[in-house]
PDB file of N, CA and C in Angstrom:
ATOM      1  N   MET A   1      -4.852 -15.864  14.393  1.00  0.00           N
ATOM      2  CA  MET A   1      -4.469 -16.403  13.105  1.00  0.00           C
ATOM      3  C   MET A   1      -3.209 -15.632  12.737  1.00  0.00           C
ATOM      4  N   ALA A   2      -2.251 -16.236  12.245  1.00  0.00           N
ATOM      5  CA  ALA A   2      -1.027 -15.711  11.924  1.00  0.00           C
ATOM      6  C   ALA A   2      -1.296 -14.960  10.573  1.00  0.00           C
ATOM      7  N   ALA A   3      -0.260 -14.104  10.278  1.00  0.00           N
ATOM      8  CA  ALA A   3      -0.320 -13.337   9.065  1.00  0.00           C
ATOM      9  C   ALA A   3      -0.223 -14.189   7.880  1.00  0.00           C
ATOM     10  N   LYS A   4      -0.777 -13.900   6.748  1.00  0.00           N
ATOM     11  CA  LYS A   4      -0.915 -14.632   5.473  1.00  0.00           C
ATOM     12  C   LYS A   4       0.082 -14.069   4.545  1.00  0.00           C
ATOM     13  N   ARG A   5       1.021 -14.652   3.860  1.00  0.00           N
ATOM     14  CA  ARG A   5       2.004 -14.166   2.979  1.00  0.00           C
ATOM     15  C   ARG A   5       1.442 -14.698   1.603  1.00  0.00           C
ATOM     16  N   VAL A   6       1.115 -13.655   0.686  1.00  0.00           N
ATOM     17  CA  VAL A   6       0.543 -13.848  -0.626  1.00  0.00           C
ATOM     18  C   VAL A   6       0.981 -12.943  -1.669  1.00  0.00           C
ATOM     19  N   LYS A   7       0.795 -13.168  -2.839  1.00  0.00           N
ATOM     20  CA  LYS A   7       1.145 -12.170  -3.890  1.00  0.00           C
ATOM     21  C   LYS A   7       0.037 -10.990  -3.941  1.00  0.00           C
ATOM     22  N   ALA A   8       0.657  -9.796  -4.063  1.00  0.00           N
ATOM     23  CA  ALA A   8      -0.266  -8.685  -3.976  1.00  0.00           C
ATOM     24  C   ALA A   8      -0.167  -7.915  -5.370  1.00  0.00           C
ATOM     25  N   THR A   9      -1.286  -7.481  -5.834  1.00  0.00           N
ATOM     26  CA  THR A   9      -1.294  -6.693  -7.085  1.00  0.00           C
ATOM     27  C   THR A   9      -1.914  -5.376  -6.760  1.00  0.00           C
ATOM     28  N   ARG A  10      -1.595  -4.450  -7.747  1.00  0.00           N
ATOM     29  CA  ARG A  10      -2.277  -2.991  -7.523  1.00  0.00           C
ATOM     30  C   ARG A  10      -3.609  -2.912  -7.846  1.00  0.00           C
ATOM     31  N   GLU A  11      -4.447  -2.236  -7.264  1.00  0.00           N
ATOM     32  CA  GLU A  11      -5.955  -2.245  -7.557  1.00  0.00           C
ATOM     33  C   GLU A  11      -6.230  -1.458  -8.717  1.00  0.00           C
ATOM     34  N   GLY A  12      -5.439  -0.314  -8.840  1.00  0.00           N
ATOM     35  CA  GLY A  12      -5.847   0.565  -9.961  1.00  0.00           C
ATOM     36  C   GLY A  12      -7.151   1.133 -10.021  1.00  0.00           C
ATOM     37  N   LEU A  13      -7.686   1.171 -11.040  1.00  0.00           N
ATOM     38  CA  LEU A  13      -9.069   1.615 -11.406  1.00  0.00           C
ATOM     39  C   LEU A  13      -9.504   2.877 -10.743  1.00  0.00           C
ATOM     40  N   LEU A  14      -8.665   3.847 -10.661  1.00  0.00           N
ATOM     41  CA  LEU A  14      -8.924   5.127 -10.049  1.00  0.00           C
ATOM     42  C   LEU A  14     -10.276   5.637 -10.611  1.00  0.00           C
ATOM     43  N   GLY A  15     -11.039   6.207  -9.731  1.00  0.00           N
ATOM     44  CA  GLY A  15     -12.302   6.748 -10.187  1.00  0.00           C
ATOM     45  C   GLY A  15     -13.407   5.786 -10.138  1.00  0.00           C
ATOM     46  N   GLN A  16     -13.193   4.525 -10.239  1.00  0.00           N
ATOM     47  CA  GLN A  16     -14.172   3.431 -10.233  1.00  0.00           C
ATOM     48  C   GLN A  16     -14.809   3.153  -8.936  1.00  0.00           C
ATOM     49  N   LEU A  17     -16.059   2.584  -8.888  1.00  0.00           N
ATOM     50  CA  LEU A  17     -16.636   2.250  -7.594  1.00  0.00           C
ATOM     51  C   LEU A  17     -16.213   0.736  -7.261  1.00  0.00           C
ATOM     52  N   THR A  18     -15.946   0.523  -5.974  1.00  0.00           N
ATOM     53  CA  THR A  18     -15.615  -0.696  -5.313  1.00  0.00           C
ATOM     54  C   THR A  18     -16.905  -1.336  -5.017  1.00  0.00           C
ATOM     55  N   ALA A  19     -16.713  -2.677  -4.622  1.00  0.00           N
ATOM     56  CA  ALA A  19     -18.048  -3.623  -4.239  1.00  0.00           C
ATOM     57  C   ALA A  19     -18.678  -2.839  -2.904  1.00  0.00           C
ATOM     58  N   SER A  20     -17.998  -2.065  -2.163  1.00  0.00           N
ATOM     59  CA  SER A  20     -18.731  -1.497  -1.056  1.00  0.00           C
ATOM     60  C   SER A  20     -19.269  -0.055  -1.332  1.00  0.00           C
ATOM     61  N   GLY A  21     -19.031   0.424  -2.712  1.00  0.00           N
ATOM     62  CA  GLY A  21     -19.580   1.689  -3.154  1.00  0.00           C
ATOM     63  C   GLY A  21     -18.538   2.903  -2.985  1.00  0.00           C
ATOM     64  N   TYR A  22     -17.413   2.514  -2.474  1.00  0.00           N
ATOM     65  CA  TYR A  22     -16.205   3.523  -2.403  1.00  0.00           C
ATOM     66  C   TYR A  22     -15.677   3.865  -3.698  1.00  0.00           C
ATOM     67  N   ARG A  23     -15.560   5.175  -4.076  1.00  0.00           N
ATOM     68  CA  ARG A  23     -15.011   5.711  -5.340  1.00  0.00           C
ATOM     69  C   ARG A  23     -13.418   5.642  -5.231  1.00  0.00           C
ATOM     70  N   ILE A  24     -12.715   4.853  -5.846  1.00  0.00           N
ATOM     71  CA  ILE A  24     -11.270   4.778  -5.569  1.00  0.00           C
ATOM     72  C   ILE A  24     -10.568   6.063  -5.864  1.00  0.00           C
ATOM     73  N   ASP A  25      -9.731   6.378  -4.951  1.00  0.00           N
ATOM     74  CA  ASP A  25      -8.891   7.542  -4.941  1.00  0.00           C
ATOM     75  C   ASP A  25      -7.360   7.233  -4.459  1.00  0.00           C
ATOM     76  N   THR A  26      -6.553   8.182  -4.355  1.00  0.00           N
ATOM     77  CA  THR A  26      -5.219   7.870  -3.884  1.00  0.00           C
ATOM     78  C   THR A  26      -5.019   8.045  -2.497  1.00  0.00           C
ATOM     79  N   HIS A  27      -6.126   8.442  -1.719  1.00  0.00           N
ATOM     80  CA  HIS A  27      -5.897   8.878  -0.328  1.00  0.00           C
ATOM     81  C   HIS A  27      -6.310   7.771   0.758  1.00  0.00           C
ATOM     82  N   VAL A  28      -7.453   7.100   0.423  1.00  0.00           N
ATOM     83  CA  VAL A  28      -7.753   6.045   1.468  1.00  0.00           C
ATOM     84  C   VAL A  28      -7.043   4.870   1.359  1.00  0.00           C
ATOM     85  N   PRO A  29      -6.472   4.253   2.647  1.00  0.00           N
ATOM     86  CA  PRO A  29      -5.716   3.105   2.432  1.00  0.00           C
ATOM     87  C   PRO A  29      -6.764   1.941   2.515  1.00  0.00           C
ATOM     88  N   PHE A  30      -6.895   1.341   1.440  1.00  0.00           N
ATOM     89  CA  PHE A  30      -7.817   0.102   1.282  1.00  0.00           C
ATOM     90  C   PHE A  30      -7.144  -1.003   0.550  1.00  0.00           C
ATOM     91  N   VAL A  31      -7.820  -2.154   0.801  1.00  0.00           N
ATOM     92  CA  VAL A  31      -7.440  -3.339   0.115  1.00  0.00           C
ATOM     93  C   VAL A  31      -8.586  -4.082  -0.457  1.00  0.00           C
ATOM     94  N   ALA A  32      -8.393  -5.061  -1.372  1.00  0.00           N
ATOM     95  CA  ALA A  32      -9.519  -5.936  -1.704  1.00  0.00           C
ATOM     96  C   ALA A  32      -9.179  -7.381  -1.405  1.00  0.00           C
ATOM     97  N   LEU A  33      -9.952  -8.182  -0.711  1.00  0.00           N
ATOM     98  CA  LEU A  33      -9.890  -9.463  -0.440  1.00  0.00           C
ATOM     99  C   LEU A  33     -10.975 -10.440  -1.004  1.00  0.00           C
ATOM    100  N   PRO A  34     -10.706 -11.598  -1.363  1.00  0.00           N
ATOM    101  CA  PRO A  34     -11.809 -12.268  -2.127  1.00  0.00           C
ATOM    102  C   PRO A  34     -12.950 -12.877  -1.257  1.00  0.00           C
ATOM    103  N   SER A  35     -13.633 -12.227  -0.578  1.00  0.00           N
ATOM    104  CA  SER A  35     -14.704 -12.574   0.307  1.00  0.00           C
ATOM    105  C   SER A  35     -15.534 -11.411   0.546  1.00  0.00           C
ATOM    106  N   THR A  36     -16.873 -11.492   0.118  1.00  0.00           N
ATOM    107  CA  THR A  36     -17.894 -10.394   0.637  1.00  0.00           C
ATOM    108  C   THR A  36     -17.932 -10.246   2.091  1.00  0.00           C
ATOM    109  N   LYS A  37     -17.579 -11.332   2.866  1.00  0.00           N
ATOM    110  CA  LYS A  37     -17.658 -11.309   4.349  1.00  0.00           C
ATOM    111  C   LYS A  37     -16.608 -10.449   4.951  1.00  0.00           C
ATOM    112  N   ALA A  38     -15.467 -10.088   4.158  1.00  0.00           N
ATOM    113  CA  ALA A  38     -14.422  -9.254   4.703  1.00  0.00           C
ATOM    114  C   ALA A  38     -14.657  -7.801   4.501  1.00  0.00           C
ATOM    115  N   LEU A  39     -15.669  -7.432   3.794  1.00  0.00           N
ATOM    116  CA  LEU A  39     -15.873  -5.942   3.665  1.00  0.00           C
ATOM    117  C   LEU A  39     -15.880  -5.193   4.997  1.00  0.00           C
ATOM    118  N   PHE A  40     -15.303  -4.148   4.906  1.00  0.00           N
ATOM    119  CA  PHE A  40     -15.265  -3.195   6.035  1.00  0.00           C
ATOM    120  C   PHE A  40     -14.473  -3.664   7.344  1.00  0.00           C
ATOM    121  N   ARG A  41     -13.743  -4.786   7.086  1.00  0.00           N
ATOM    122  CA  ARG A  41     -12.959  -5.268   8.247  1.00  0.00           C
ATOM    123  C   ARG A  41     -11.441  -4.442   8.043  1.00  0.00           C
ATOM    124  N   ALA A  42     -10.744  -4.315   9.167  1.00  0.00           N
ATOM    125  CA  ALA A  42      -9.541  -3.748   9.147  1.00  0.00           C
ATOM    126  C   ALA A  42      -8.494  -4.843   9.084  1.00  0.00           C
ATOM    127  N   VAL A  43      -7.321  -4.531   8.346  1.00  0.00           N
ATOM    128  CA  VAL A  43      -6.177  -5.374   8.167  1.00  0.00           C
ATOM    129  C   VAL A  43      -4.915  -4.591   8.392  1.00  0.00           C
ATOM    130  N   ARG A  44      -3.891  -5.274   8.569  1.00  0.00           N
ATOM    131  CA  ARG A  44      -2.616  -4.772   8.676  1.00  0.00           C
ATOM    132  C   ARG A  44      -1.818  -5.413   7.342  1.00  0.00           C
ATOM    133  N   VAL A  45      -1.148  -4.751   6.590  1.00  0.00           N
ATOM    134  CA  VAL A  45      -0.440  -5.189   5.440  1.00  0.00           C
ATOM    135  C   VAL A  45       1.031  -4.809   5.536  1.00  0.00           C
ATOM    136  N   ARG A  46       1.951  -5.777   5.271  1.00  0.00           N
ATOM    137  CA  ARG A  46       3.430  -5.436   5.455  1.00  0.00           C
ATOM    138  C   ARG A  46       4.070  -6.032   4.212  1.00  0.00           C
ATOM    139  N   ASN A  47       5.151  -5.161   3.936  1.00  0.00           N
ATOM    140  CA  ASN A  47       5.907  -5.588   2.708  1.00  0.00           C
ATOM    141  C   ASN A  47       7.099  -6.304   3.411  1.00  0.00           C
ATOM    142  N   PRO A  48       7.266  -7.665   3.147  1.00  0.00           N
ATOM    143  CA  PRO A  48       8.455  -8.320   3.802  1.00  0.00           C
ATOM    144  C   PRO A  48       9.880  -7.760   3.286  1.00  0.00           C
ATOM    145  N   VAL A  49       9.918  -7.222   2.264  1.00  0.00           N
ATOM    146  CA  VAL A  49      11.237  -6.914   1.556  1.00  0.00           C
ATOM    147  C   VAL A  49      11.726  -5.342   2.319  1.00  0.00           C
ATOM    148  N   THR A  50      10.646  -4.460   2.464  1.00  0.00           N
ATOM    149  CA  THR A  50      10.992  -3.163   2.857  1.00  0.00           C
ATOM    150  C   THR A  50      10.766  -3.087   4.424  1.00  0.00           C
ATOM    151  N   GLY A  51       9.923  -4.118   4.957  1.00  0.00           N
ATOM    152  CA  GLY A  51       9.729  -3.807   6.386  1.00  0.00           C
ATOM    153  C   GLY A  51       8.405  -2.932   6.634  1.00  0.00           C
ATOM    154  N   ALA A  52       8.118  -2.098   5.586  1.00  0.00           N
ATOM    155  CA  ALA A  52       7.062  -1.096   5.682  1.00  0.00           C
ATOM    156  C   ALA A  52       5.658  -1.783   6.032  1.00  0.00           C
ATOM    157  N   SER A  53       4.764  -1.146   6.701  1.00  0.00           N
ATOM    158  CA  SER A  53       3.423  -1.734   6.937  1.00  0.00           C
ATOM    159  C   SER A  53       2.443  -0.577   7.102  1.00  0.00           C
ATOM    160  N   CYS A  54       1.141  -0.934   7.017  1.00  0.00           N
ATOM    161  CA  CYS A  54       0.088   0.123   7.209  1.00  0.00           C
ATOM    162  C   CYS A  54      -1.155  -0.627   7.530  1.00  0.00           C
ATOM    163  N   ALA A  55      -2.087   0.075   8.192  1.00  0.00           N
ATOM    164  CA  ALA A  55      -3.387  -0.503   8.385  1.00  0.00           C
ATOM    165  C   ALA A  55      -4.372   0.009   7.247  1.00  0.00           C
ATOM    166  N   ALA A  56      -5.215  -0.819   7.015  1.00  0.00           N
ATOM    167  CA  ALA A  56      -6.114  -0.509   5.777  1.00  0.00           C
ATOM    168  C   ALA A  56      -7.444  -1.170   6.087  1.00  0.00           C
ATOM    169  N   ILE A  57      -8.444  -0.798   5.386  1.00  0.00           N
ATOM    170  CA  ILE A  57      -9.906  -1.317   5.298  1.00  0.00           C
ATOM    171  C   ILE A  57     -10.186  -2.074   4.032  1.00  0.00           C
ATOM    172  N   VAL A  58     -10.901  -3.065   4.221  1.00  0.00           N
ATOM    173  CA  VAL A  58     -11.196  -3.918   3.074  1.00  0.00           C
ATOM    174  C   VAL A  58     -12.560  -3.195   2.496  1.00  0.00           C
ATOM    175  N   LEU A  59     -12.408  -2.500   1.366  1.00  0.00           N
ATOM    176  CA  LEU A  59     -13.501  -1.871   0.657  1.00  0.00           C
ATOM    177  C   LEU A  59     -13.797  -2.477  -0.766  1.00  0.00           C
ATOM    178  N   ASP A  60     -13.113  -3.562  -1.114  1.00  0.00           N
ATOM    179  CA  ASP A  60     -13.335  -4.043  -2.300  1.00  0.00           C
ATOM    180  C   ASP A  60     -13.331  -5.711  -2.189  1.00  0.00           C
ATOM    181  N   VAL A  61     -13.822  -6.355  -3.089  1.00  0.00           N
ATOM    182  CA  VAL A  61     -13.893  -7.811  -3.100  1.00  0.00           C
ATOM    183  C   VAL A  61     -13.143  -8.352  -4.321  1.00  0.00           C
ATOM    184  N   GLY A  62     -12.088  -9.079  -4.173  1.00  0.00           N
ATOM    185  CA  GLY A  62     -11.241  -9.607  -5.211  1.00  0.00           C
ATOM    186  C   GLY A  62      -9.829  -9.821  -4.646  1.00  0.00           C
ATOM    187  N   PRO A  63      -8.854 -10.126  -5.296  1.00  0.00           N
ATOM    188  CA  PRO A  63      -8.924 -10.312  -6.773  1.00  0.00           C
ATOM    189  C   PRO A  63      -9.486 -11.612  -7.051  1.00  0.00           C
ATOM    190  N   TRP A  64     -10.058 -11.689  -8.320  1.00  0.00           N
ATOM    191  CA  TRP A  64     -10.572 -12.894  -9.042  1.00  0.00           C
ATOM    192  C   TRP A  64     -11.781 -13.409  -8.336  1.00  0.00           C
ATOM    193  N   ASN A  65     -11.830 -13.766  -7.125  1.00  0.00           N
ATOM    194  CA  ASN A  65     -12.999 -14.529  -6.591  1.00  0.00           C
ATOM    195  C   ASN A  65     -13.588 -13.512  -5.581  1.00  0.00           C
ATOM    196  N   THR A  66     -15.037 -13.991  -5.298  1.00  0.00           N
ATOM    197  CA  THR A  66     -15.729 -13.117  -4.463  1.00  0.00           C
ATOM    198  C   THR A  66     -16.037 -14.047  -3.176  1.00  0.00           C
ATOM    199  N   HIS A  67     -16.010 -15.350  -3.091  1.00  0.00           N
ATOM    200  CA  HIS A  67     -16.310 -16.161  -1.957  1.00  0.00           C
ATOM    201  C   HIS A  67     -15.360 -17.162  -1.500  1.00  0.00           C
ATOM    202  N   ASP A  68     -14.038 -16.734  -1.463  1.00  0.00           N
ATOM    203  CA  ASP A  68     -12.963 -17.560  -1.149  1.00  0.00           C
ATOM    204  C   ASP A  68     -12.663 -17.486   0.351  1.00  0.00           C
ATOM    205  N   ASP A  69     -13.762 -17.727   0.990  1.00  0.00           N
ATOM    206  CA  ASP A  69     -13.706 -17.709   2.628  1.00  0.00           C
ATOM    207  C   ASP A  69     -12.739 -18.561   3.255  1.00  0.00           C
ATOM    208  N   ALA A  70     -12.486 -19.755   2.727  1.00  0.00           N
ATOM    209  CA  ALA A  70     -11.378 -20.841   3.280  1.00  0.00           C
ATOM    210  C   ALA A  70     -10.081 -20.096   3.427  1.00  0.00           C
ATOM    211  N   TYR A  71      -9.872 -19.318   2.299  1.00  0.00           N
ATOM    212  CA  TYR A  71      -8.469 -18.641   2.336  1.00  0.00           C
ATOM    213  C   TYR A  71      -8.602 -17.288   3.339  1.00  0.00           C
ATOM    214  N   VAL A  72      -9.651 -16.541   3.218  1.00  0.00           N
ATOM    215  CA  VAL A  72      -9.589 -15.355   3.919  1.00  0.00           C
ATOM    216  C   VAL A  72      -9.811 -15.512   5.430  1.00  0.00           C
ATOM    217  N   PHE A  73     -10.644 -16.485   5.707  1.00  0.00           N
ATOM    218  CA  PHE A  73     -10.951 -16.704   7.294  1.00  0.00           C
ATOM    219  C   PHE A  73     -10.255 -18.059   7.841  1.00  0.00           C
ATOM    220  N   ALA A  74      -9.629 -18.845   6.924  1.00  0.00           N
ATOM    221  CA  ALA A  74      -9.076 -19.988   7.624  1.00  0.00           C
ATOM    222  C   ALA A  74      -7.701 -20.219   6.949  1.00  0.00           C
ATOM    223  N   GLU A  75      -7.201 -21.377   6.974  1.00  0.00           N
ATOM    224  CA  GLU A  75      -5.756 -21.594   6.465  1.00  0.00           C
ATOM    225  C   GLU A  75      -5.597 -21.955   5.124  1.00  0.00           C
ATOM    226  N   ALA A  76      -6.601 -22.027   4.356  1.00  0.00           N
ATOM    227  CA  ALA A  76      -6.415 -22.297   2.819  1.00  0.00           C
ATOM    228  C   ALA A  76      -5.479 -21.371   2.094  1.00  0.00           C
ATOM    229  N   ARG A  77      -5.006 -21.751   1.028  1.00  0.00           N
ATOM    230  CA  ARG A  77      -4.125 -20.783   0.114  1.00  0.00           C
ATOM    231  C   ARG A  77      -5.342 -20.102  -0.757  1.00  0.00           C
ATOM    232  N   PRO A  78      -4.965 -18.956  -1.399  1.00  0.00           N
ATOM    233  CA  PRO A  78      -6.031 -18.261  -2.283  1.00  0.00           C
ATOM    234  C   PRO A  78      -6.413 -19.325  -3.556  1.00  0.00           C
ATOM    235  N   GLU A  79      -7.605 -19.348  -4.078  1.00  0.00           N
ATOM    236  CA  GLU A  79      -7.982 -20.102  -5.042  1.00  0.00           C
ATOM    237  C   GLU A  79      -7.298 -19.515  -6.205  1.00  0.00           C
ATOM    238  N   ALA A  80      -7.003 -18.271  -6.338  1.00  0.00           N
ATOM    239  CA  ALA A  80      -6.390 -17.677  -7.399  1.00  0.00           C
ATOM    240  C   ALA A  80      -5.094 -18.202  -7.720  1.00  0.00           C
ATOM    241  N   GLU A  81      -4.352 -18.809  -6.681  1.00  0.00           N
ATOM    242  CA  GLU A  81      -3.035 -19.307  -6.898  1.00  0.00           C
ATOM    243  C   GLU A  81      -3.076 -20.529  -7.712  1.00  0.00           C
ATOM    244  N   SER A  82      -4.318 -21.095  -7.914  1.00  0.00           N
ATOM    245  CA  SER A  82      -4.307 -22.416  -8.756  1.00  0.00           C
ATOM    246  C   SER A  82      -4.132 -22.046 -10.178  1.00  0.00           C
ATOM    247  N   GLY A  83      -4.196 -20.632 -10.555  1.00  0.00           N
ATOM    248  CA  GLY A  83      -4.148 -20.331 -11.942  1.00  0.00           C
ATOM    249  C   GLY A  83      -5.408 -20.010 -12.708  1.00  0.00           C
ATOM    250  N   ARG A  84      -6.474 -20.454 -12.028  1.00  0.00           N
ATOM    251  CA  ARG A  84      -7.875 -20.215 -12.576  1.00  0.00           C
ATOM    252  C   ARG A  84      -8.857 -19.703 -11.361  1.00  0.00           C
ATOM    253  N   ASP A  85      -9.715 -18.810 -11.742  1.00  0.00           N
ATOM    254  CA  ASP A  85     -10.574 -18.521 -10.671  1.00  0.00           C
ATOM    255  C   ASP A  85     -11.872 -19.351 -10.847  1.00  0.00           C
ATOM    256  N   LEU A  86     -12.924 -19.098  -9.932  1.00  0.00           N
ATOM    257  CA  LEU A  86     -14.191 -19.773  -9.875  1.00  0.00           C
ATOM    258  C   LEU A  86     -14.895 -19.791 -11.307  1.00  0.00           C
ATOM    259  N   PHE A  87     -14.640 -18.650 -12.074  1.00  0.00           N
ATOM    260  CA  PHE A  87     -15.391 -18.679 -13.323  1.00  0.00           C
ATOM    261  C   PHE A  87     -14.414 -19.203 -14.498  1.00  0.00           C
ATOM    262  N   ASP A  88     -13.281 -19.882 -14.088  1.00  0.00           N
ATOM    263  CA  ASP A  88     -12.321 -20.464 -15.073  1.00  0.00           C
ATOM    264  C   ASP A  88     -11.635 -19.598 -15.863  1.00  0.00           C
ATOM    265  N   ARG A  89     -11.526 -18.215 -15.328  1.00  0.00           N
ATOM    266  CA  ARG A  89     -10.647 -17.182 -15.889  1.00  0.00           C
ATOM    267  C   ARG A  89      -9.197 -17.536 -15.447  1.00  0.00           C
ATOM    268  N   VAL A  90      -8.080 -17.236 -16.373  1.00  0.00           N
ATOM    269  CA  VAL A  90      -6.783 -17.344 -15.904  1.00  0.00           C
ATOM    270  C   VAL A  90      -6.501 -16.172 -14.963  1.00  0.00           C
ATOM    271  N   THR A  91      -5.705 -16.492 -13.813  1.00  0.00           N
ATOM    272  CA  THR A  91      -5.564 -15.610 -12.867  1.00  0.00           C
ATOM    273  C   THR A  91      -4.015 -15.158 -12.898  1.00  0.00           C
ATOM    274  N   ASN A  92      -3.628 -14.137 -12.078  1.00  0.00           N
ATOM    275  CA  ASN A  92      -2.229 -13.900 -11.941  1.00  0.00           C
ATOM    276  C   ASN A  92      -1.566 -14.321 -10.637  1.00  0.00           C
ATOM    277  N   GLY A  93      -2.484 -15.228  -9.990  1.00  0.00           N
ATOM    278  CA  GLY A  93      -2.074 -15.725  -8.579  1.00  0.00           C
ATOM    279  C   GLY A  93      -2.156 -14.879  -7.431  1.00  0.00           C
ATOM    280  N   ALA A  94      -2.588 -13.767  -7.514  1.00  0.00           N
ATOM    281  CA  ALA A  94      -2.689 -12.788  -6.415  1.00  0.00           C
ATOM    282  C   ALA A  94      -3.809 -13.197  -5.424  1.00  0.00           C
ATOM    283  N   GLY A  95      -3.581 -12.889  -4.193  1.00  0.00           N
ATOM    284  CA  GLY A  95      -4.507 -13.187  -2.964  1.00  0.00           C
ATOM    285  C   GLY A  95      -5.019 -11.773  -2.447  1.00  0.00           C
ATOM    286  N   ILE A  96      -4.495 -10.781  -2.804  1.00  0.00           N
ATOM    287  CA  ILE A  96      -4.894  -9.383  -2.332  1.00  0.00           C
ATOM    288  C   ILE A  96      -4.526  -8.283  -3.288  1.00  0.00           C
ATOM    289  N   ASP A  97      -5.480  -7.300  -3.329  1.00  0.00           N
ATOM    290  CA  ASP A  97      -5.252  -6.243  -4.233  1.00  0.00           C
ATOM    291  C   ASP A  97      -4.993  -5.016  -3.164  1.00  0.00           C
ATOM    292  N   LEU A  98      -4.045  -4.093  -3.707  1.00  0.00           N
ATOM    293  CA  LEU A  98      -3.716  -3.067  -2.723  1.00  0.00           C
ATOM    294  C   LEU A  98      -4.123  -1.600  -3.560  1.00  0.00           C
ATOM    295  N   GLY A  99      -4.844  -0.999  -2.715  1.00  0.00           N
ATOM    296  CA  GLY A  99      -5.178   0.535  -3.148  1.00  0.00           C
ATOM    297  C   GLY A  99      -3.959   1.371  -3.284  1.00  0.00           C
ATOM    298  N   GLU A 100      -4.030   2.382  -4.080  1.00  0.00           N
ATOM    299  CA  GLU A 100      -2.805   3.296  -4.278  1.00  0.00           C
ATOM    300  C   GLU A 100      -2.145   3.817  -3.126  1.00  0.00           C
ATOM    301  N   ARG A 101      -2.761   4.075  -1.899  1.00  0.00           N
ATOM    302  CA  ARG A 101      -2.235   4.653  -0.825  1.00  0.00           C
ATOM    303  C   ARG A 101      -1.252   3.444  -0.172  1.00  0.00           C
ATOM    304  N   VAL A 102      -1.970   2.341  -0.088  1.00  0.00           N
ATOM    305  CA  VAL A 102      -1.204   1.152   0.638  1.00  0.00           C
ATOM    306  C   VAL A 102      -0.051   0.825  -0.219  1.00  0.00           C
ATOM    307  N   TRP A 103      -0.194   0.740  -1.677  1.00  0.00           N
ATOM    308  CA  TRP A 103       0.861   0.411  -2.507  1.00  0.00           C
ATOM    309  C   TRP A 103       1.960   1.329  -2.241  1.00  0.00           C
ATOM    310  N   ARG A 104       1.847   2.715  -2.182  1.00  0.00           N
ATOM    311  CA  ARG A 104       2.875   3.659  -1.907  1.00  0.00           C
ATOM    312  C   ARG A 104       3.465   3.598  -0.578  1.00  0.00           C
ATOM    313  N   VAL A 105       2.784   3.351   0.445  1.00  0.00           N
ATOM    314  CA  VAL A 105       3.345   3.274   1.941  1.00  0.00           C
ATOM    315  C   VAL A 105       4.122   2.089   1.952  1.00  0.00           C
ATOM    316  N   LEU A 106       3.747   0.994   1.320  1.00  0.00           N
ATOM    317  CA  LEU A 106       4.514  -0.228   1.509  1.00  0.00           C
ATOM    318  C   LEU A 106       5.738  -0.250   0.522  1.00  0.00           C
ATOM    319  N   GLY A 107       5.910   0.748  -0.371  1.00  0.00           N
ATOM    320  CA  GLY A 107       7.151   0.943  -1.173  1.00  0.00           C
ATOM    321  C   GLY A 107       7.076  -0.008  -2.281  1.00  0.00           C
ATOM    322  N   MET A 108       5.923  -0.560  -2.781  1.00  0.00           N
ATOM    323  CA  MET A 108       5.739  -1.625  -3.760  1.00  0.00           C
ATOM    324  C   MET A 108       6.220  -0.912  -5.155  1.00  0.00           C
ATOM    325  N   THR A 109       6.956  -1.754  -5.915  1.00  0.00           N
ATOM    326  CA  THR A 109       7.256  -1.205  -7.177  1.00  0.00           C
ATOM    327  C   THR A 109       6.784  -2.199  -8.249  1.00  0.00           C
ATOM    328  N   ASP A 110       6.301  -3.335  -8.080  1.00  0.00           N
ATOM    329  CA  ASP A 110       5.709  -4.281  -8.782  1.00  0.00           C
ATOM    330  C   ASP A 110       4.912  -5.344  -8.063  1.00  0.00           C
ATOM    331  N   ASN A 111       4.188  -6.176  -8.740  1.00  0.00           N
ATOM    332  CA  ASN A 111       3.493  -7.181  -7.914  1.00  0.00           C
ATOM    333  C   ASN A 111       4.527  -8.096  -7.260  1.00  0.00           C
ATOM    334  N   GLY A 112       4.096  -8.317  -6.000  1.00  0.00           N
ATOM    335  CA  GLY A 112       4.961  -9.045  -5.168  1.00  0.00           C
ATOM    336  C   GLY A 112       4.414  -9.547  -3.887  1.00  0.00           C
ATOM    337  N   ASP A 113       5.119 -10.259  -3.014  1.00  0.00           N
ATOM    338  CA  ASP A 113       4.501 -10.847  -1.814  1.00  0.00           C
ATOM    339  C   ASP A 113       4.343  -9.673  -0.676  1.00  0.00           C
ATOM    340  N   VAL A 114       3.246  -9.947  -0.051  1.00  0.00           N
ATOM    341  CA  VAL A 114       2.902  -9.098   1.291  1.00  0.00           C
ATOM    342  C   VAL A 114       2.452  -9.973   2.308  1.00  0.00           C
ATOM    343  N   GLU A 115       2.435  -9.671   3.443  1.00  0.00           N
ATOM    344  CA  GLU A 115       1.815 -10.339   4.589  1.00  0.00           C
ATOM    345  C   GLU A 115       0.691  -9.613   4.965  1.00  0.00           C
ATOM    346  N   TRP A 116      -0.485 -10.228   5.395  1.00  0.00           N
ATOM    347  CA  TRP A 116      -1.515  -9.462   5.783  1.00  0.00           C
ATOM    348  C   TRP A 116      -2.302 -10.212   6.937  1.00  0.00           C
ATOM    349  N   GLU A 117      -2.981  -9.550   7.618  1.00  0.00           N
ATOM    350  CA  GLU A 117      -3.827 -10.187   8.886  1.00  0.00           C
ATOM    351  C   GLU A 117      -4.926  -9.202   9.325  1.00  0.00           C
ATOM    352  N   PHE A 118      -5.981  -9.612   9.908  1.00  0.00           N
ATOM    353  CA  PHE A 118      -7.071  -8.938  10.400  1.00  0.00           C
ATOM    354  C   PHE A 118      -6.521  -8.105  11.558  1.00  0.00           C
ATOM    355  N   LEU A 119      -6.952  -7.053  11.795  1.00  0.00           N
ATOM    356  CA  LEU A 119      -6.682  -6.179  13.099  1.00  0.00           C
ATOM    357  C   LEU A 119      -7.760  -6.584  14.094  1.00  0.00           C
TER     358      LEU A 119
END
């Protein structure tokens, strides 16, 4: 499957627990994808503006949805891009959340597009 280009947001929430039980810090390169089936899978994330990339592990579920398997494992766009999530909350359109380490390695300064794919 080709890399997917989607809007990324910063995970934040330092010190909080993720869906996998990981306590968020600034050291481990991790991301969140909106499918529980993606937990503990490895991904490569790339910033198309800077060209920087890094490997990361999926340690959280989100942003917004928890069972958006058609996006994560097939060719669908993220449900969050519709502007509403599965619980009818207004979304910011993001398809991936980046942990602090990934955010820094990619040189992100604001929410923006990234490309990601499973390794």
